[in-house]
Protein backbone atom coordinates (compact mmCIF):
# COMPACT_ATOMS: atom_id res chain seq x y z
CA MET A 1 -94.47 -125.51 -35.89
CA ALA A 2 -90.79 -124.23 -36.25
CA LEU A 3 -89.65 -120.82 -34.72
CA LYS A 4 -88.45 -117.95 -37.36
CA VAL A 5 -86.63 -115.04 -35.80
CA ASP A 6 -88.73 -112.73 -37.62
CA TYR A 7 -91.91 -114.01 -35.95
CA VAL A 8 -90.53 -113.74 -32.27
CA ALA A 9 -89.04 -110.66 -33.40
CA LYS A 10 -92.29 -109.04 -34.22
CA GLU A 11 -94.70 -110.86 -31.57
CA THR A 12 -92.20 -109.69 -28.97
CA ALA A 13 -92.66 -106.27 -30.43
CA ILE A 14 -95.96 -105.97 -30.42
CA ASN A 15 -96.22 -107.62 -26.85
CA LEU A 16 -93.89 -104.13 -25.42
CA ARG A 17 -95.61 -101.47 -27.07
CA ARG A 18 -98.76 -102.86 -25.85
CA ASN A 19 -98.19 -102.83 -22.36
CA LEU A 20 -95.78 -99.48 -22.41
CA THR A 21 -96.17 -98.62 -18.72
CA LEU A 22 -96.13 -101.86 -17.06
CA THR A 23 -92.81 -102.14 -19.31
CA LEU A 24 -90.95 -99.06 -18.20
CA ALA A 25 -91.87 -100.05 -14.36
CA THR A 26 -90.48 -103.24 -14.63
CA ILE A 27 -87.61 -102.32 -16.20
CA VAL A 28 -87.15 -99.18 -13.68
CA THR A 29 -87.14 -101.91 -10.88
CA ILE A 30 -84.90 -104.26 -11.86
CA ALA A 31 -82.51 -101.25 -12.99
CA VAL A 32 -82.81 -100.42 -9.36
CA THR A 33 -82.30 -104.02 -7.94
CA LEU A 34 -79.42 -104.97 -10.18
CA ALA A 35 -77.80 -101.40 -9.01
CA CYS A 36 -78.25 -102.52 -5.20
CA VAL A 37 -76.60 -105.54 -6.01
CA GLY A 38 -74.02 -104.44 -8.38
CA ALA A 39 -73.27 -101.66 -5.23
CA ALA A 40 -72.82 -104.66 -2.54
CA LEU A 41 -70.12 -106.48 -4.80
CA LEU A 42 -68.51 -103.01 -5.53
CA ALA A 43 -68.43 -102.06 -1.84
CA ARG A 44 -66.98 -105.77 -1.39
CA GLN A 45 -63.82 -105.59 -3.80
CA GLY A 46 -63.13 -101.68 -2.68
CA VAL A 47 -62.67 -102.57 0.72
CA ASN A 48 -60.45 -105.82 -0.60
CA ARG A 49 -58.09 -103.38 -2.23
CA SER A 50 -58.12 -100.78 0.26
CA ASN A 51 -57.16 -103.35 2.82
CA ILE A 52 -54.45 -105.39 0.26
CA GLN A 53 -51.93 -104.72 2.52
CA PHE A 54 -53.46 -106.86 5.70
CA LYS A 55 -54.63 -109.72 3.83
CA GLY A 56 -53.87 -113.21 4.86
CA GLY A 57 -55.04 -112.36 8.82
CA ILE A 58 -51.96 -109.74 9.34
CA GLN A 59 -52.17 -107.77 12.43
CA PHE A 60 -49.87 -105.55 11.92
CA ILE A 61 -46.87 -104.45 10.07
CA VAL A 62 -43.39 -103.03 11.22
CA PHE A 63 -41.99 -100.45 8.99
CA MET A 64 -38.36 -100.00 8.62
CA ASN A 65 -36.44 -96.74 7.77
CA PRO A 66 -35.18 -96.70 4.05
CA THR A 67 -32.26 -96.10 5.43
CA ALA A 68 -32.05 -98.80 8.37
CA SER A 69 -29.03 -100.92 8.28
CA ASN A 70 -29.09 -104.41 7.88
CA GLU A 71 -27.98 -105.52 11.57
CA GLN A 72 -31.51 -103.18 12.51
CA ILE A 73 -33.69 -105.37 10.39
CA ASP A 74 -31.84 -108.38 11.51
CA ALA A 75 -32.35 -107.19 15.17
CA VAL A 76 -36.42 -106.77 14.25
CA SER A 77 -36.73 -110.30 12.86
CA ARG A 78 -34.71 -112.09 15.50
CA ALA A 79 -37.04 -110.23 18.08
CA LEU A 80 -40.22 -111.26 15.93
CA ASN A 81 -39.10 -115.32 15.58
CA SER A 82 -38.49 -115.51 19.62
CA ASP A 83 -41.58 -113.73 20.41
CA PRO A 84 -44.24 -116.41 21.43
CA GLN A 85 -47.16 -114.09 20.55
CA VAL A 86 -45.77 -114.09 16.88
CA LYS A 87 -47.64 -116.93 14.79
CA SER A 88 -46.22 -115.95 11.24
CA ASN A 89 -44.23 -113.03 9.92
CA GLN A 90 -42.98 -112.05 6.24
CA TYR A 91 -40.39 -109.81 5.55
CA LEU A 92 -41.03 -107.64 2.04
CA ASP A 93 -37.72 -106.12 0.86
CA HIS A 94 -37.58 -103.04 -1.59
CA ASP A 95 -38.66 -104.90 -4.32
CA ALA A 96 -41.75 -106.27 -3.02
CA ALA A 97 -42.64 -103.70 -1.22
CA PHE A 98 -42.46 -101.25 -4.28
CA ALA A 99 -44.72 -104.19 -5.78
CA GLU A 100 -47.53 -104.04 -3.14
CA PHE A 101 -47.33 -99.73 -3.17
CA LYS A 102 -47.91 -100.39 -6.52
CA GLU A 103 -50.51 -102.29 -6.39
CA ILE A 104 -52.21 -99.89 -3.88
CA PHE A 105 -51.46 -96.94 -5.76
CA PHE A 106 -52.58 -98.23 -8.92
CA ASP A 107 -54.78 -95.30 -9.46
CA GLN A 108 -52.02 -92.87 -9.48
CA PRO A 109 -49.40 -92.89 -12.14
CA ASP A 110 -47.53 -89.54 -11.25
CA LEU A 111 -47.15 -91.29 -7.81
CA THR A 112 -46.17 -94.62 -8.39
CA ASN A 113 -44.12 -93.23 -11.69
CA ASN A 114 -41.95 -90.78 -9.47
CA VAL A 115 -40.75 -93.06 -6.70
CA THR A 116 -38.13 -95.80 -6.76
CA PRO A 117 -37.98 -99.02 -4.80
CA ALA A 118 -35.32 -97.50 -2.58
CA ASP A 119 -37.89 -94.93 -1.53
CA ILE A 120 -40.12 -97.65 -0.37
CA PRO A 121 -39.37 -99.01 3.12
CA THR A 122 -39.05 -102.43 4.06
CA ASN A 123 -41.94 -104.09 6.02
CA PHE A 124 -42.65 -107.12 8.36
CA LYS A 125 -46.13 -108.35 8.19
CA VAL A 126 -47.12 -110.14 11.01
CA GLN A 127 -50.01 -112.25 12.25
CA LEU A 128 -50.26 -113.15 15.82
CA SER A 129 -51.14 -116.24 17.68
CA GLN A 130 -54.24 -114.28 19.12
CA ALA A 131 -56.31 -111.35 17.56
CA ASP A 132 -56.95 -109.78 20.60
CA SER A 133 -56.98 -105.65 20.22
CA THR A 134 -55.21 -105.79 23.86
CA VAL A 135 -52.37 -108.10 22.24
CA VAL A 136 -52.05 -106.34 18.75
CA PHE A 137 -51.43 -102.74 20.70
CA SER A 138 -48.84 -103.94 23.03
CA ALA A 139 -47.40 -105.91 20.27
CA VAL A 140 -47.68 -102.40 18.20
CA GLU A 141 -46.15 -100.12 20.77
CA GLN A 142 -43.12 -102.97 21.94
CA TYR A 143 -42.29 -102.78 18.11
CA LYS A 144 -42.15 -99.32 17.68
CA LYS A 145 -39.58 -98.80 20.08
CA GLN A 146 -36.89 -100.95 17.99
CA PRO A 147 -33.84 -99.30 16.74
CA GLY A 148 -34.45 -98.66 12.95
CA VAL A 149 -38.40 -98.73 12.86
CA MET A 150 -40.48 -95.96 11.10
CA ASP A 151 -43.39 -97.12 12.00
CA VAL A 152 -46.02 -99.80 12.87
CA LYS A 153 -49.17 -100.09 11.63
CA SER A 154 -51.79 -102.14 13.15
CA ALA A 155 -55.08 -103.54 11.13
CA ALA A 156 -57.20 -103.57 14.13
CA GLU A 157 -58.83 -100.04 13.97
CA GLN A 158 -58.65 -99.86 10.27
CA VAL A 159 -60.04 -103.05 8.52
CA LYS A 160 -62.39 -103.94 11.33
CA GLU A 161 -63.59 -100.41 11.17
CA GLN A 162 -63.94 -100.63 7.14
CA GLU A 163 -65.24 -104.42 6.77
CA ALA A 164 -67.77 -103.87 9.83
CA ALA A 165 -69.47 -100.61 8.08
CA PHE A 166 -69.45 -101.98 4.47
CA SER A 167 -70.79 -105.34 5.71
CA LYS A 168 -73.67 -103.34 7.10
CA MET A 169 -73.99 -101.49 4.02
CA GLY A 170 -74.05 -104.80 1.42
CA ALA A 171 -76.16 -106.44 4.14
CA VAL A 172 -78.75 -103.59 3.74
CA LEU A 173 -78.12 -103.16 -0.16
CA ILE A 174 -78.90 -107.02 -0.66
CA VAL A 175 -81.52 -107.09 1.35
CA GLY A 176 -83.04 -103.85 -0.50
CA ALA A 177 -82.07 -106.06 -3.84
CA ILE A 178 -83.98 -109.31 -3.24
CA VAL A 179 -87.24 -106.55 -2.09
CA ILE A 180 -87.16 -105.31 -5.30
CA GLY A 181 -86.26 -107.69 -6.83
CA VAL A 182 -89.36 -109.77 -6.08
CA ALA A 183 -91.14 -106.99 -6.94
CA ALA A 184 -89.63 -106.98 -10.44
CA ILE A 185 -90.31 -110.49 -10.91
CA VAL A 186 -93.93 -109.75 -9.94
CA LEU A 187 -94.08 -106.77 -12.41
CA ILE A 188 -92.46 -109.08 -15.07
CA ILE A 189 -95.34 -111.67 -14.38
CA ASN A 190 -97.94 -109.02 -14.72
CA SER A 191 -96.71 -107.72 -17.79
CA ILE A 192 -96.25 -110.98 -19.57
CA ARG A 193 -99.82 -112.47 -18.21
CA ILE A 194 -101.86 -109.56 -19.20
CA ALA A 195 -100.11 -109.39 -22.88
CA MET A 196 -101.47 -113.02 -23.10
CA PHE A 197 -104.49 -112.52 -21.92
CA ALA A 198 -104.82 -109.36 -24.10
CA ARG A 199 -103.84 -112.57 -27.32
CA ARG A 200 -105.91 -114.69 -25.28
CA ARG A 201 -108.02 -115.88 -28.56
CA GLU A 202 -104.99 -115.62 -30.72
CA ILE A 203 -103.50 -118.20 -28.50
CA GLU A 204 -106.44 -120.23 -28.49
CA VAL A 205 -106.45 -120.31 -32.56
CA MET A 206 -102.78 -121.02 -32.51
CA LYS A 207 -103.14 -124.04 -30.08
CA LEU A 208 -106.07 -125.55 -32.46
CA VAL A 209 -104.36 -125.36 -35.48
CA GLY A 210 -101.40 -127.28 -33.74
CA ALA A 211 -98.60 -124.72 -32.08
CA THR A 212 -96.90 -125.95 -29.27
CA ASN A 213 -96.95 -124.37 -25.88
CA TRP A 214 -92.97 -123.67 -26.62
CA PHE A 215 -94.04 -121.86 -29.80
CA ILE A 216 -96.55 -119.66 -27.80
CA ARG A 217 -94.30 -118.87 -24.94
CA VAL A 218 -90.97 -117.96 -26.76
CA PRO A 219 -91.75 -114.44 -27.97
CA PHE A 220 -93.11 -113.72 -24.31
CA MET A 221 -90.16 -115.16 -22.71
CA VAL A 222 -87.87 -112.93 -24.82
CA GLU A 223 -89.74 -110.04 -24.13
CA GLY A 224 -89.07 -110.75 -20.19
CA MET A 225 -85.45 -110.91 -21.10
CA ILE A 226 -85.39 -107.69 -22.65
CA GLN A 227 -86.97 -105.83 -20.16
CA GLY A 228 -83.96 -107.67 -17.81
CA LEU A 229 -81.01 -106.43 -20.16
CA VAL A 230 -82.46 -103.06 -20.35
CA GLY A 231 -83.01 -102.91 -16.66
CA ALA A 232 -79.53 -104.34 -16.50
CA PHE A 233 -78.11 -101.76 -18.51
CA LEU A 234 -79.95 -98.52 -16.70
CA GLY A 235 -78.57 -100.61 -13.22
CA ILE A 236 -75.10 -100.47 -14.54
CA GLY A 237 -75.07 -96.91 -15.51
CA ILE A 238 -76.51 -95.89 -12.19
CA ILE A 239 -73.12 -97.75 -10.92
CA VAL A 240 -70.48 -96.31 -12.99
CA GLY A 241 -72.26 -93.10 -12.45
CA VAL A 242 -71.73 -93.36 -8.74
CA ARG A 243 -68.62 -94.70 -9.13
CA ASN A 244 -67.22 -91.42 -11.22
CA TRP A 245 -69.05 -88.67 -9.51
CA LEU A 246 -69.58 -89.88 -6.40
CA LEU A 247 -66.92 -92.17 -5.24
CA ASP A 248 -63.86 -90.02 -5.17
CA THR A 249 -65.50 -87.17 -3.14
CA LEU A 250 -66.20 -90.13 -0.49
CA VAL A 251 -62.23 -91.37 -0.94
CA ASP A 252 -61.52 -87.68 -0.01
CA THR A 253 -63.31 -87.58 3.10
CA GLY A 254 -61.31 -90.18 4.95
CA GLY A 255 -62.67 -92.18 7.33
CA VAL A 256 -64.14 -95.51 6.12
CA PHE A 257 -63.67 -94.27 2.71
CA ALA A 258 -60.17 -93.99 3.08
CA GLY A 259 -57.88 -96.19 0.89
CA PHE A 260 -61.53 -97.24 -0.77
CA ARG A 261 -60.27 -98.39 -4.54
CA LEU A 262 -62.00 -99.73 -7.75
CA THR A 263 -60.82 -100.94 -10.84
CA ALA A 264 -61.86 -100.40 -14.41
CA ALA A 265 -61.40 -104.29 -14.38
CA ASP A 266 -63.96 -104.64 -11.01
CA VAL A 267 -66.66 -102.41 -12.48
CA GLN A 268 -66.28 -104.32 -15.96
CA ASN A 269 -66.94 -107.78 -14.21
CA THR A 270 -69.54 -106.69 -12.33
CA ALA A 271 -71.36 -105.27 -15.26
CA VAL A 272 -71.08 -108.30 -16.73
CA LEU A 273 -72.80 -110.31 -13.55
CA LEU A 274 -75.68 -107.73 -13.68
CA MET A 275 -76.20 -108.54 -17.38
CA ILE A 276 -76.45 -111.83 -16.61
CA GLY A 277 -78.74 -111.59 -13.47
CA GLY A 278 -81.01 -109.14 -15.68
CA ILE A 279 -81.22 -111.71 -18.24
CA ILE A 280 -82.08 -114.48 -15.54
CA VAL A 281 -85.19 -112.39 -14.03
CA GLY A 282 -86.69 -111.73 -17.49
CA ILE A 283 -86.32 -115.22 -18.42
CA ILE A 284 -87.72 -116.65 -15.00
CA GLY A 285 -90.92 -113.93 -14.35
CA SER A 286 -91.81 -114.52 -18.01
CA ALA A 287 -91.09 -118.02 -18.09
CA ALA A 288 -93.45 -118.83 -14.75
CA ALA A 289 -96.33 -116.49 -16.36
CA ALA A 290 -96.33 -117.84 -19.37
CA SER A 291 -96.34 -121.21 -17.91
CA ARG A 292 -99.36 -120.28 -15.21
CA PHE A 293 -101.32 -118.93 -18.11
CA LEU A 294 -100.59 -121.68 -21.09
CA ASP A 295 -101.59 -124.23 -18.19
CA VAL A 296 -105.21 -122.93 -17.22
């Protein structure tokens, strides 16, 4: 038997209406699951953006005064190159430092539009041979005393504190998502099996007249896919709501959220992943339920 779109749509609608309460419970469970996954993904992206200056294993940054002379800059460069503790260093001139500044403060156009490259201090990004905190803090104090140096910022406290905090939070969210996700799949399986059991006589007749298992199975799989997709949209709504209403407040509180930033693209990419995840969860659960029923 050939499948027709109108047949699949009609059968799917019947199944969804018949188990409305269980369908709603399944959708909400999927939404919570995917919201946890999305929060974990966005937390990782936010930390990466907030620590953009310290990417690539950079332990500290030596910021020069905007008015530092070429001789003072050269002196710091020579000191870094001759320091046995320094594994590598990279010098960012005004233009490169300004490009990085705009990337960090991408969401504050009023700030970036009123600053010129000359206003941004040049800096040296420094990677040490040893990442031991004692060595890092010793080097920071050493280079703070160099002529022409405005400040030296270490990644040891900011980055490690943020990464540790969000790593724990991400782990909790993922574990929670796995647990709730299993519950969501179980609910989908139960929902589909109840729908198939309620129509068992009809299914028996369809098999007697030559309907294949796939002909019977597809409407139920579409039902699971719809549940997963609707749950994904709700999960995305939760994520967007948290970002729009809560993130700014958390950033303003400082602490580990200081500098935490997310772009609209980050949210959009995560939303696409959540929709795909919702569809996969729905199809897997419904396919498993239909297969078990038809194999009986």
